[in-house]
């Protein structure tokens, strides 16, 4: 296959970005090569707002032909949470034909070396970045995210996470030198001498099982970590969120072909309605790596049954915030209100349980009772979402009927401090838009415990009354240990309470945010600096992104000979 792009050209183009990414993960400082503002696009080959929307519109009702081997049918059926029938169809693969074709290109990809693989991945990310506006609409109309969130989280933030994975993968592969001369003294005898060569060898074909809510943000780390370490990658999107990942596969195949590699190193596995191919794929002997984001039940199934594969899962947890005291009461309420509202709470990092002492808390505005704190928080959420235009921009749309059903059922679990209300989206009148519900529960009542100790994914939060800060800390510990947590938050002016919460999070391995009152929220993480999940509690067995996330996707093979 003739290469239109040489590795030399790509190294010159992308090596500075790779070096900056390596420095960023070393220092943990803020850095991103991908602009967050929509107006930053439209020059130097990137699509602007109008061009991106036009490109998305042109996809509707079309067949997305990826020129994959083994295509035996065309499947589709996505409906936007905003009420639009996408009408895009995708290749359905005969797996017995596709998997051998994917494996065929791995030798050349392996032999290309870590740097060449890294810069090819960076070229893929650059081309995706140039189409950020188009991808944003694809994410919006499969996930239900509002446009600005789909643009940022589905675009630059997802691209950052992909680049971060490439940087970690490169660092781990080059930790071992390519060659070494080994000499062992033997006293009066001649020394023993060996020439040694070391090569990073991929595990095999990696499977990415996509999620509906964040198809790119959650999909890119595993995809690029596996690709950068020499593995072929089969992408199995969620049936309601195919388009963003199908476009990703399309771009990856184009770049691989232009750089002289086999485009079948990246392929799509779309499925017929109700086909449920994830279990079949996950247990195929050719699949050696699996990345999964979704329900605990299927994540547990993968960990138990996909024994031939290295499995990375991000599952469900019960995210908790302890509210003990604050020196910025208005800032705390504002910060929590935004965290509870963003994308209708449909984030794996959204707080669910707010643990508040029943005797109240101390604040810069004086003592506040439990009831006052809950009432004030409800008022803050109501004020944030009081304007329907702003509410639509923050909430997006409910992604599926299950979330709507959980929201409606939550009101019957306890005293409702803030009722959910329906909002009309004038641009998309068929969208299901709901504000969050806040329900009061008692941490001492077993019946209430059944509610707050279960994940209720969506715009539902529980204000749980606890006997004291000490009891809150112990409930926090039990929640993380039993149910897991992607995020933990705490508000306290007490060094003793802060220390106790920190010890719980260190013991139970959970990421902690303390006293957030400004423009950073507990449910947001920044690539290159923050770790998403820890891999150390039941919510996830991996973190995005650390060395452990990439190092077991390849093995080092040594070849030694007499010098």
Protein backbone atom coordinates (compact mmCIF):
# COMPACT_ATOMS: atom_id res chain seq x y z
CA UNK A 1 0.00 0.00 0.00
CA UNK A 2 1.57 3.29 -1.08
CA UNK A 3 1.82 5.85 1.69
CA UNK A 4 0.63 9.38 0.96
CA UNK A 5 1.95 10.56 4.34
CA UNK A 6 5.39 9.51 5.55
CA UNK A 7 6.23 8.80 9.15
CA UNK A 8 8.99 11.42 8.85
CA UNK A 9 6.48 14.10 7.89
CA UNK A 10 4.11 13.13 10.71
CA UNK A 11 6.93 13.14 13.26
CA UNK A 12 7.88 16.66 12.19
CA UNK A 13 4.24 17.71 12.37
CA UNK A 14 3.16 16.07 15.62
CA UNK A 15 6.26 15.36 17.73
CA UNK A 16 6.10 18.81 19.42
CA UNK A 17 2.50 18.13 20.47
CA UNK A 18 3.45 14.69 21.79
CA UNK A 19 6.32 16.22 23.78
CA UNK A 20 3.96 18.79 25.29
CA UNK A 21 1.53 16.05 26.25
CA UNK A 22 4.34 14.07 27.89
CA UNK A 23 5.33 17.16 29.86
CA UNK A 24 1.72 17.82 30.85
CA UNK A 25 1.19 14.35 32.33
CA UNK A 26 4.48 14.76 34.20
CA UNK A 27 3.66 18.16 35.72
CA UNK A 28 -0.16 17.72 35.92
CA UNK A 29 -0.49 21.39 34.90
CA UNK A 30 -3.27 22.74 32.67
CA UNK A 31 -2.67 22.23 28.95
CA UNK A 32 -4.76 21.49 25.90
CA UNK A 33 -4.05 21.77 22.17
CA UNK A 34 -7.77 21.63 21.36
CA UNK A 35 -9.70 24.94 21.57
CA UNK A 36 -12.86 24.90 23.70
CA UNK A 37 -14.57 27.84 21.98
CA UNK A 38 -16.68 27.18 18.87
CA UNK A 39 -15.42 30.35 17.18
CA UNK A 40 -11.85 29.02 17.23
CA UNK A 41 -12.70 26.76 14.30
CA UNK A 42 -13.18 27.61 10.64
CA UNK A 43 -9.62 28.26 9.45
CA UNK A 44 -6.63 26.17 8.41
CA UNK A 45 -8.80 23.34 7.15
CA UNK A 46 -11.13 23.06 10.13
CA UNK A 47 -14.89 23.29 9.79
CA UNK A 48 -16.58 26.37 11.20
CA UNK A 49 -20.00 26.43 12.83
CA UNK A 50 -22.02 26.61 9.61
CA UNK A 51 -19.84 24.10 7.75
CA UNK A 52 -19.96 21.64 10.65
CA UNK A 53 -23.74 21.81 10.86
CA UNK A 54 -24.00 21.38 7.09
CA UNK A 55 -21.67 18.37 7.21
CA UNK A 56 -23.83 16.78 9.93
CA UNK A 57 -27.04 17.50 8.03
CA UNK A 58 -25.53 15.90 4.93
CA UNK A 59 -25.02 12.66 6.87
CA UNK A 60 -28.69 12.26 7.76
CA UNK A 61 -30.44 9.54 5.80
CA UNK A 62 -27.21 8.29 4.20
CA UNK A 63 -25.21 5.08 4.19
CA UNK A 64 -21.85 5.44 5.96
CA UNK A 65 -19.74 3.06 3.91
CA UNK A 66 -16.44 2.28 5.63
CA UNK A 67 -15.26 -0.19 2.97
CA UNK A 68 -14.81 -2.88 5.61
CA UNK A 69 -14.36 -6.55 4.72
CA UNK A 70 -17.15 -8.92 5.64
CA UNK A 71 -20.05 -6.46 5.34
CA UNK A 72 -23.19 -8.59 5.10
CA UNK A 73 -25.94 -6.07 5.86
CA UNK A 74 -26.69 -2.42 6.62
CA UNK A 75 -28.10 -1.46 10.00
CA UNK A 76 -29.23 1.71 11.76
CA UNK A 77 -32.20 3.10 13.60
CA UNK A 78 -30.82 5.89 15.79
CA UNK A 79 -33.32 8.48 16.97
CA UNK A 80 -32.04 11.68 18.53
CA UNK A 81 -33.20 12.41 22.10
CA UNK A 82 -34.24 15.69 20.49
CA UNK A 83 -36.74 13.86 18.29
CA UNK A 84 -34.86 13.65 14.98
CA UNK A 85 -34.63 10.38 13.05
CA UNK A 86 -30.99 10.23 12.00
CA UNK A 87 -31.57 7.66 9.28
CA UNK A 88 -27.87 6.79 8.97
CA UNK A 89 -27.05 3.16 8.18
CA UNK A 90 -23.78 1.41 8.97
CA UNK A 91 -22.04 -1.77 7.80
CA UNK A 92 -22.98 -4.91 9.69
CA UNK A 93 -19.98 -7.22 9.84
CA UNK A 94 -19.57 -10.94 9.43
CA UNK A 95 -17.23 -11.24 12.39
CA UNK A 96 -15.62 -14.43 11.07
CA UNK A 97 -14.46 -12.43 8.05
CA UNK A 98 -13.70 -9.10 9.75
CA UNK A 99 -11.55 -10.32 12.65
CA UNK A 100 -8.96 -12.16 10.52
CA UNK A 101 -8.74 -9.11 8.25
CA UNK A 102 -8.08 -6.90 11.27
CA UNK A 103 -5.36 -9.21 12.53
CA UNK A 104 -3.55 -9.22 9.19
CA UNK A 105 -2.30 -5.66 9.53
CA UNK A 106 -0.95 -5.93 13.05
CA UNK A 107 2.57 -7.09 12.15
CA UNK A 108 3.43 -3.99 10.14
CA UNK A 109 1.76 -1.80 12.76
CA UNK A 110 3.77 -3.53 15.51
CA UNK A 111 7.04 -3.14 13.62
CA UNK A 112 6.44 0.57 12.97
CA UNK A 113 7.48 1.35 16.52
CA UNK A 114 6.04 3.46 19.32
CA UNK A 115 6.83 6.87 17.84
CA UNK A 116 5.33 6.14 14.42
CA UNK A 117 2.18 4.75 15.99
CA UNK A 118 1.90 7.77 18.27
CA UNK A 119 2.12 10.33 15.48
CA UNK A 120 -0.36 8.41 13.32
CA UNK A 121 -2.77 8.53 16.27
CA UNK A 122 -2.13 12.26 16.62
CA UNK A 123 -2.94 12.74 12.93
CA UNK A 124 -6.24 10.92 13.48
CA UNK A 125 -7.01 13.20 16.44
CA UNK A 126 -6.04 16.29 14.43
CA UNK A 127 -8.48 15.40 11.66
CA UNK A 128 -11.22 14.73 14.19
CA UNK A 129 -10.44 18.08 15.79
CA UNK A 130 -10.81 19.81 12.42
CA UNK A 131 -14.35 18.37 12.27
CA UNK A 132 -15.26 19.21 15.87
CA UNK A 133 -18.43 21.09 14.90
CA UNK A 134 -19.67 18.12 12.87
CA UNK A 135 -18.83 15.70 15.69
CA UNK A 136 -20.55 17.99 18.20
CA UNK A 137 -23.87 17.66 16.38
CA UNK A 138 -23.37 13.89 16.12
CA UNK A 139 -22.76 13.68 19.89
CA UNK A 140 -25.66 16.02 20.66
CA UNK A 141 -28.14 14.02 18.61
CA UNK A 142 -27.11 10.63 19.99
CA UNK A 143 -26.49 11.50 23.65
CA UNK A 144 -28.99 14.29 24.31
CA UNK A 145 -26.28 16.64 25.52
CA UNK A 146 -26.96 20.31 24.89
CA UNK A 147 -24.92 21.66 21.99
CA UNK A 148 -22.23 23.48 23.98
CA UNK A 149 -21.59 20.48 26.20
CA UNK A 150 -21.59 18.14 23.19
CA UNK A 151 -19.13 20.50 21.51
CA UNK A 152 -16.75 20.68 24.47
CA UNK A 153 -17.07 17.26 26.12
CA UNK A 154 -17.58 15.38 22.85
CA UNK A 155 -14.97 17.45 21.01
CA UNK A 156 -11.86 19.00 22.58
CA UNK A 157 -12.19 17.27 25.96
CA UNK A 158 -12.59 13.86 24.32
CA UNK A 159 -9.69 14.61 21.99
CA UNK A 160 -7.59 15.59 25.01
CA UNK A 161 -8.39 12.25 26.63
CA UNK A 162 -7.37 10.41 23.46
CA UNK A 163 -4.10 12.34 23.28
CA UNK A 164 -3.48 11.72 26.96
CA UNK A 165 -3.82 7.97 26.36
CA UNK A 166 -1.35 8.17 23.47
CA UNK A 167 1.15 10.01 25.66
CA UNK A 168 0.91 7.43 28.45
CA UNK A 169 1.16 4.61 25.92
CA UNK A 170 4.26 6.11 24.31
CA UNK A 171 5.95 6.73 27.68
CA UNK A 172 5.42 3.15 28.82
CA UNK A 173 6.65 1.62 25.56
CA UNK A 174 9.89 3.64 25.40
CA UNK A 175 10.68 3.00 29.08
CA UNK A 176 12.56 -0.10 27.85
CA UNK A 177 15.36 0.57 25.31
CA UNK A 178 15.24 -1.01 21.87
CA UNK A 179 18.68 -2.56 22.31
CA UNK A 180 21.19 -3.30 25.04
CA UNK A 181 24.70 -4.74 25.25
CA UNK A 182 25.00 -7.06 28.23
CA UNK A 183 28.39 -7.96 29.69
CA UNK A 184 28.93 -10.08 32.81
CA UNK A 185 32.49 -10.31 34.20
CA UNK A 186 33.80 -13.84 34.77
CA UNK A 187 37.00 -13.14 36.70
CA UNK A 188 40.00 -14.56 34.84
CA UNK A 189 37.78 -15.95 32.13
CA UNK A 190 36.39 -13.95 29.25
CA UNK A 191 33.24 -12.05 30.15
CA UNK A 192 29.86 -13.28 29.01
CA UNK A 193 28.45 -11.01 26.34
CA UNK A 194 24.99 -10.86 24.85
CA UNK A 195 23.26 -8.54 22.44
CA UNK A 196 19.66 -7.97 23.48
CA UNK A 197 16.74 -6.52 21.55
CA UNK A 198 13.39 -5.56 23.07
CA UNK A 199 10.15 -5.06 21.21
CA UNK A 200 6.72 -3.99 22.39
CA UNK A 201 4.27 -6.63 21.19
CA UNK A 202 0.52 -6.01 21.13
CA UNK A 203 -1.89 -8.34 22.89
CA UNK A 204 -4.18 -8.72 19.88
CA UNK A 205 -7.49 -7.19 18.84
CA UNK A 206 -9.01 -4.71 21.26
CA UNK A 207 -12.75 -4.25 21.64
CA UNK A 208 -14.21 -0.87 22.62
CA UNK A 209 -17.81 -1.17 23.86
CA UNK A 210 -19.21 2.35 23.60
CA UNK A 211 -21.70 4.09 25.84
CA UNK A 212 -24.73 6.19 24.91
CA UNK A 213 -24.09 9.27 27.06
CA UNK A 214 -20.45 10.06 26.23
CA UNK A 215 -19.52 8.06 23.13
CA UNK A 216 -16.29 9.93 22.33
CA UNK A 217 -15.19 11.08 25.79
CA UNK A 218 -15.45 7.56 27.20
CA UNK A 219 -14.50 5.81 23.96
CA UNK A 220 -11.31 7.60 22.97
CA UNK A 221 -9.05 6.64 25.91
CA UNK A 222 -9.33 2.91 25.29
CA UNK A 223 -9.38 3.23 21.51
CA UNK A 224 -6.19 5.29 21.33
CA UNK A 225 -4.42 3.47 24.17
CA UNK A 226 -4.87 0.18 22.33
CA UNK A 227 -4.04 1.56 18.89
CA UNK A 228 -0.91 3.36 20.10
CA UNK A 229 0.37 0.14 21.70
CA UNK A 230 0.09 -1.79 18.44
CA UNK A 231 -3.31 -3.43 18.73
CA UNK A 232 -6.07 -3.46 16.14
CA UNK A 233 -9.29 -1.94 17.52
CA UNK A 234 -12.86 -3.07 16.92
CA UNK A 235 -15.38 -0.40 17.96
CA UNK A 236 -18.81 -1.67 19.08
CA UNK A 237 -20.92 1.46 19.69
CA UNK A 238 -24.04 1.64 21.81
CA UNK A 239 -27.02 1.08 19.44
CA UNK A 240 -28.35 4.55 20.26
CA UNK A 241 -24.95 6.23 19.91
CA UNK A 242 -23.32 4.88 16.76
CA UNK A 243 -22.68 7.98 14.65
CA UNK A 244 -19.87 9.71 16.62
CA UNK A 245 -17.84 6.51 16.87
CA UNK A 246 -18.58 5.50 13.28
CA UNK A 247 -17.20 8.86 12.12
CA UNK A 248 -14.16 8.24 14.34
CA UNK A 249 -13.58 4.86 12.70
CA UNK A 250 -13.97 6.46 9.28
CA UNK A 251 -11.27 9.06 10.03
CA UNK A 252 -8.93 6.45 11.54
CA UNK A 253 -9.23 4.19 8.52
CA UNK A 254 -8.49 7.09 6.16
CA UNK A 255 -5.34 8.08 8.05
CA UNK A 256 -4.08 4.51 8.36
CA UNK A 257 -4.49 3.98 4.63
CA UNK A 258 -2.76 7.27 3.77
CA UNK A 259 0.20 6.39 5.99
CA UNK A 260 0.68 2.98 4.38
CA UNK A 261 -0.92 0.87 7.09
CA UNK A 262 -3.84 -1.50 6.84
CA UNK A 263 -7.08 0.46 7.39
CA UNK A 264 -8.61 -2.68 8.89
CA UNK A 265 -6.59 -2.00 12.03
CA UNK A 266 -9.67 -0.01 13.07
CA UNK A 267 -13.17 -1.27 12.27
CA UNK A 268 -16.79 -0.82 13.32
CA UNK A 269 -19.15 -3.46 14.68
CA UNK A 270 -22.65 -2.03 14.38
CA UNK A 271 -25.56 -4.29 15.30
CA UNK A 272 -29.12 -5.00 14.30
CA UNK A 273 -31.86 -3.94 16.72
CA UNK A 274 -31.87 -6.31 19.68
CA UNK A 275 -28.95 -8.34 18.33
CA UNK A 276 -26.78 -7.81 21.42
CA UNK A 277 -23.41 -8.71 19.92
CA UNK A 278 -21.30 -7.40 22.82
CA UNK A 279 -21.30 -10.72 24.72
CA UNK A 280 -20.48 -12.68 21.59
CA UNK A 281 -17.60 -10.38 20.67
CA UNK A 282 -16.28 -10.13 24.24
CA UNK A 283 -15.70 -13.87 24.50
CA UNK A 284 -14.12 -14.40 21.07
CA UNK A 285 -10.57 -15.75 21.43
CA UNK A 286 -9.27 -13.07 19.05
CA UNK A 287 -10.39 -10.30 21.43
CA UNK A 288 -7.56 -9.72 23.91
CA UNK A 289 -8.45 -6.28 25.33
CA UNK A 290 -11.87 -4.86 26.25
CA UNK A 291 -12.79 -1.29 27.21
CA UNK A 292 -16.29 -0.84 28.57
CA UNK A 293 -18.35 1.98 30.05
CA UNK A 294 -21.86 1.28 31.29
CA UNK A 295 -23.93 -0.66 33.79
CA UNK A 296 -22.44 -2.53 36.72
CA UNK A 297 -24.22 -5.76 35.78
CA UNK A 298 -22.65 -6.02 32.33
CA UNK A 299 -19.29 -4.75 33.56
CA UNK A 300 -19.27 -7.50 36.20
CA UNK A 301 -20.26 -10.02 33.51
CA UNK A 302 -17.32 -8.95 31.35
CA UNK A 303 -14.86 -9.20 34.22
CA UNK A 304 -16.14 -12.69 35.07
CA UNK A 305 -16.56 -14.13 31.57
CA UNK A 306 -14.13 -12.46 29.16
CA UNK A 307 -11.28 -14.43 30.68
CA UNK A 308 -9.13 -14.36 27.55
CA UNK A 309 -9.01 -10.55 27.57
CA UNK A 310 -7.57 -7.76 29.66
CA UNK A 311 -10.79 -5.97 30.71
CA UNK A 312 -11.03 -2.29 31.63
CA UNK A 313 -14.40 -1.25 33.04
CA UNK A 314 -16.05 1.95 34.17
CA UNK A 315 -19.30 0.97 35.85
CA UNK A 316 -21.76 2.61 38.22
CA UNK A 317 -21.22 4.10 41.65
CA UNK A 318 -23.00 6.19 44.26
CA UNK A 319 -21.25 9.56 44.22
CA UNK A 320 -21.46 11.34 47.57
CA UNK A 321 -20.87 14.84 48.95
CA UNK A 322 -20.53 15.51 52.69
CA UNK A 323 -21.77 18.97 53.68
CA UNK A 324 -20.44 19.76 57.18
CA UNK A 325 -19.60 23.49 57.10
CA UNK A 326 -18.56 26.19 54.67
CA UNK A 327 -17.11 29.68 54.62
CA UNK A 328 -18.84 30.45 51.30
CA UNK A 329 -22.45 29.38 51.61
CA UNK A 330 -23.70 31.03 48.41
CA UNK A 331 -20.73 29.67 46.44
CA UNK A 332 -21.32 26.16 47.77
CA UNK A 333 -25.01 26.23 46.84
CA UNK A 334 -24.26 27.63 43.40
CA UNK A 335 -21.57 25.04 42.74
CA UNK A 336 -23.74 22.14 43.87
CA UNK A 337 -26.73 23.40 41.89
CA UNK A 338 -24.70 23.45 38.68
CA UNK A 339 -23.24 19.99 39.40
CA UNK A 340 -26.71 18.51 39.92
CA UNK A 341 -28.13 20.15 36.80
CA UNK A 342 -25.44 19.70 34.15
CA UNK A 343 -26.65 17.31 31.41
CA UNK A 344 -29.63 16.38 33.57
CA UNK A 345 -27.36 14.50 35.96
CA UNK A 346 -26.62 11.91 33.26
CA UNK A 347 -22.92 11.77 34.09
CA UNK A 348 -21.12 9.01 35.94
CA UNK A 349 -19.55 11.75 38.06
CA UNK A 350 -22.73 13.61 39.11
CA UNK A 351 -23.30 13.72 42.89
CA UNK A 352 -26.26 11.68 44.08
CA UNK A 353 -26.13 11.65 47.89
CA UNK A 354 -25.69 14.85 49.88
CA UNK A 355 -24.91 13.93 53.48
CA UNK A 356 -26.01 16.75 55.81
CA UNK A 357 -25.98 16.63 59.64
CA UNK A 358 -29.56 16.71 60.92
CA UNK A 359 -28.53 19.41 63.44
CA UNK A 360 -27.39 21.62 60.59
CA UNK A 361 -24.11 23.20 59.50
CA UNK A 362 -22.06 26.32 60.24
CA UNK A 363 -21.57 28.85 57.46
CA UNK A 364 -20.33 32.38 56.84
CA UNK A 365 -24.01 33.39 57.03
CA UNK A 366 -24.52 31.79 60.42
CA UNK A 367 -25.88 28.42 61.44
CA UNK A 368 -28.15 26.69 58.92
CA UNK A 369 -30.45 23.83 59.80
CA UNK A 370 -30.72 20.69 57.69
CA UNK A 371 -34.07 21.93 56.34
CA UNK A 372 -32.63 25.35 55.53
CA UNK A 373 -29.69 23.87 53.63
CA UNK A 374 -31.95 21.64 51.56
CA UNK A 375 -34.45 24.44 50.93
CA UNK A 376 -31.70 26.86 49.93
CA UNK A 377 -30.14 24.30 47.60
CA UNK A 378 -33.52 23.66 46.00
CA UNK A 379 -33.96 27.41 45.58
CA UNK A 380 -30.48 27.66 44.01
CA UNK A 381 -31.25 24.92 41.49
CA UNK A 382 -34.60 26.55 40.75
CA UNK A 383 -32.94 29.91 40.19
CA UNK A 384 -30.27 28.42 37.93
CA UNK A 385 -32.92 26.73 35.79
CA UNK A 386 -35.66 29.32 36.14
CA UNK A 387 -35.09 30.69 32.65
CA UNK A 388 -36.12 28.03 30.13
CA UNK A 389 -33.51 29.02 27.54
CA UNK A 390 -30.70 28.70 30.06
CA UNK A 391 -32.22 25.49 31.42
CA UNK A 392 -32.25 23.91 27.96
CA UNK A 393 -28.61 24.91 27.44
CA UNK A 394 -27.61 23.21 30.71
CA UNK A 395 -29.92 20.22 30.89
CA UNK A 396 -29.91 18.92 27.34
CA UNK A 397 -32.42 16.10 26.88
CA UNK A 398 -33.21 12.91 28.77
CA UNK A 399 -31.24 10.24 26.93
CA UNK A 400 -33.68 7.33 27.22
CA UNK A 401 -37.02 6.30 28.77
CA UNK A 402 -35.30 4.48 31.67
CA UNK A 403 -33.87 7.74 33.00
CA UNK A 404 -37.29 9.40 32.77
CA UNK A 405 -38.87 6.49 34.65
CA UNK A 406 -36.29 6.67 37.45
CA UNK A 407 -36.83 10.42 37.75
CA UNK A 408 -40.58 10.01 38.08
CA UNK A 409 -40.27 7.15 40.58
CA UNK A 410 -37.82 9.08 42.78
CA UNK A 411 -40.53 11.49 43.89
CA UNK A 412 -42.21 8.62 45.74
CA UNK A 413 -39.14 7.69 47.77
CA UNK A 414 -39.37 10.49 50.34
CA UNK A 415 -40.29 14.11 50.97
CA UNK A 416 -39.69 16.10 47.79
CA UNK A 417 -37.63 19.22 48.47
CA UNK A 418 -37.48 20.20 44.80
CA UNK A 419 -39.97 18.83 42.30
CA UNK A 420 -38.90 18.16 38.75
CA UNK A 421 -40.62 20.23 36.10
CA UNK A 422 -41.01 19.77 32.37
CA UNK A 423 -39.36 22.26 30.04
CA UNK A 424 -40.20 22.76 26.39
CA UNK A 425 -37.36 23.10 23.94
CA UNK A 426 -38.75 25.39 21.21
CA UNK A 427 -36.16 24.22 18.65
CA UNK A 428 -36.81 20.54 19.40
CA UNK A 429 -40.37 20.21 20.73
CA UNK A 430 -40.13 16.39 20.91
CA UNK A 431 -37.18 16.50 23.33
CA UNK A 432 -37.84 15.25 26.87
CA UNK A 433 -36.38 17.91 29.15
CA UNK A 434 -36.75 17.71 32.93
CA UNK A 435 -35.22 19.66 35.82
CA UNK A 436 -33.67 17.72 38.73
CA UNK A 437 -35.56 16.37 41.71
CA UNK A 438 -34.20 16.58 45.25
CA UNK A 439 -35.63 14.15 47.80
CA UNK A 440 -35.13 14.23 51.57
CA UNK A 441 -34.13 10.93 53.16
CA UNK A 442 -33.10 9.87 56.64
CA UNK A 443 -29.77 8.11 56.96
CA UNK A 444 -31.00 6.26 60.06
CA UNK A 445 -33.99 4.61 58.37
CA UNK A 446 -33.44 1.22 56.69
CA UNK A 447 -36.18 1.87 54.13
CA UNK A 448 -34.49 5.10 53.06
CA UNK A 449 -31.11 3.37 52.90
CA UNK A 450 -32.38 1.07 50.17
CA UNK A 451 -32.97 4.18 48.03
CA UNK A 452 -29.81 6.18 48.64
CA UNK A 453 -27.48 3.16 48.55
CA UNK A 454 -28.55 2.35 44.98
CA UNK A 455 -27.41 4.34 41.97
CA UNK A 456 -30.27 6.37 40.51
CA UNK A 457 -28.69 7.52 37.25
CA UNK A 458 -30.18 10.78 36.03
CA UNK A 459 -31.38 14.10 37.53
CA UNK A 460 -32.06 12.65 40.98
CA UNK A 461 -30.32 13.54 44.23
CA UNK A 462 -30.96 12.64 47.84
CA UNK A 463 -30.44 14.99 50.79
CA UNK A 464 -29.59 12.41 53.44
CA UNK A 465 -29.83 13.52 57.07
CA UNK A 466 -27.06 12.03 59.23
CA UNK A 467 -26.61 12.21 62.98
CA UNK A 468 -23.22 13.94 62.84
CA UNK A 469 -20.23 14.63 60.64
CA UNK A 470 -18.62 11.50 62.08
CA UNK A 471 -21.64 9.44 61.06
CA UNK A 472 -21.52 11.08 57.63
CA UNK A 473 -17.87 10.11 57.21
CA UNK A 474 -18.63 6.51 58.15
CA UNK A 475 -21.60 6.40 55.75
CA UNK A 476 -19.30 7.79 53.07
CA UNK A 477 -16.80 5.02 53.76
CA UNK A 478 -19.47 2.32 53.58
CA UNK A 479 -20.92 3.77 50.38
CA UNK A 480 -17.58 3.77 48.57
CA UNK A 481 -16.62 0.33 49.82
CA UNK A 482 -19.95 -1.31 48.99
CA UNK A 483 -21.15 0.61 45.92
CA UNK A 484 -18.12 2.49 44.63
CA UNK A 485 -17.83 6.13 43.65
CA UNK A 486 -16.40 7.94 40.65
CA UNK A 487 -16.35 11.20 42.62
CA UNK A 488 -16.48 12.30 46.25
CA UNK A 489 -16.96 15.84 47.48
CA UNK A 490 -16.87 17.52 50.86
CA UNK A 491 -17.54 20.97 52.28
CA UNK A 492 -15.94 21.67 55.61
CA UNK A 493 -13.97 24.35 57.44
CA UNK A 494 -12.72 21.77 59.93
CA UNK A 495 -9.24 20.36 59.41
CA UNK A 496 -10.31 17.33 61.43
CA UNK A 497 -13.32 16.59 59.21
CA UNK A 498 -11.33 17.25 56.03
CA UNK A 499 -8.63 14.89 57.27
CA UNK A 500 -11.18 12.19 58.09
CA UNK A 501 -12.77 12.44 54.63
CA UNK A 502 -9.35 12.35 53.00
CA UNK A 503 -8.42 9.21 54.96
CA UNK A 504 -11.63 7.52 53.82
CA UNK A 505 -10.87 8.35 50.19
CA UNK A 506 -7.30 7.12 50.53
CA UNK A 507 -8.43 3.92 52.26
CA UNK A 508 -11.22 3.21 49.78
CA UNK A 509 -9.45 4.66 46.72
CA UNK A 510 -11.80 7.43 45.57
CA UNK A 511 -11.10 10.80 43.95
CA UNK A 512 -11.90 13.70 46.29
CA UNK A 513 -12.84 17.35 45.67
CA UNK A 514 -12.83 19.68 48.70
CA UNK A 515 -14.73 22.94 49.09
CA UNK A 516 -15.44 23.70 45.43
CA UNK A 517 -17.27 27.03 45.26
CA UNK A 518 -16.10 28.52 41.95
CA UNK A 519 -16.07 27.47 38.31
CA UNK A 520 -14.68 23.96 38.82
CA UNK A 521 -17.23 21.25 39.63
CA UNK A 522 -17.00 17.82 41.22
CA UNK A 523 -18.33 16.14 38.08
CA UNK A 524 -15.69 17.60 35.77
CA UNK A 525 -12.16 16.29 35.22
CA UNK A 526 -9.36 17.77 33.12
CA UNK A 527 -7.22 15.56 30.90
CA UNK A 528 -3.47 15.48 31.57
CA UNK A 529 -4.09 16.54 35.18
CA UNK A 530 -7.12 14.86 36.81
CA UNK A 531 -7.66 11.13 37.11
CA UNK A 532 -11.15 10.00 36.12
CA UNK A 533 -12.03 7.14 38.42
CA UNK A 534 -9.37 5.36 40.42
CA UNK A 535 -9.68 1.68 39.54
CA UNK A 536 -9.63 0.96 43.25
CA UNK A 537 -13.31 0.78 44.22
CA UNK A 538 -16.35 -1.01 42.75
CA UNK A 539 -17.25 1.87 40.40
CA UNK A 540 -14.37 1.12 38.01
CA UNK A 541 -11.39 -1.20 37.70
CA UNK A 542 -9.33 1.36 35.75
CA UNK A 543 -8.49 5.05 35.84
CA UNK A 544 -8.44 7.46 32.92
CA UNK A 545 -5.63 7.85 32.44
CA UNK A 546 -2.60 6.36 34.18
CA UNK A 547 0.25 3.99 33.41
CA UNK A 548 -1.80 0.99 34.51
CA UNK A 549 -4.39 1.86 31.86
CA UNK A 550 -1.88 1.38 29.03
CA UNK A 551 0.98 -0.82 30.23
CA UNK A 552 -0.87 -4.15 30.04
CA UNK A 553 -2.06 -3.58 26.49
CA UNK A 554 1.34 -4.75 25.24
CA UNK A 555 4.10 -7.06 26.42
CA UNK A 556 7.85 -6.72 26.01
CA UNK A 557 9.48 -9.55 24.04
CA UNK A 558 13.22 -9.99 24.32
CA UNK A 559 15.48 -11.48 21.64
CA UNK A 560 19.03 -12.16 22.78
CA UNK A 561 22.04 -13.61 21.06
CA UNK A 562 25.76 -14.08 21.59
CA UNK A 563 27.61 -10.84 20.98
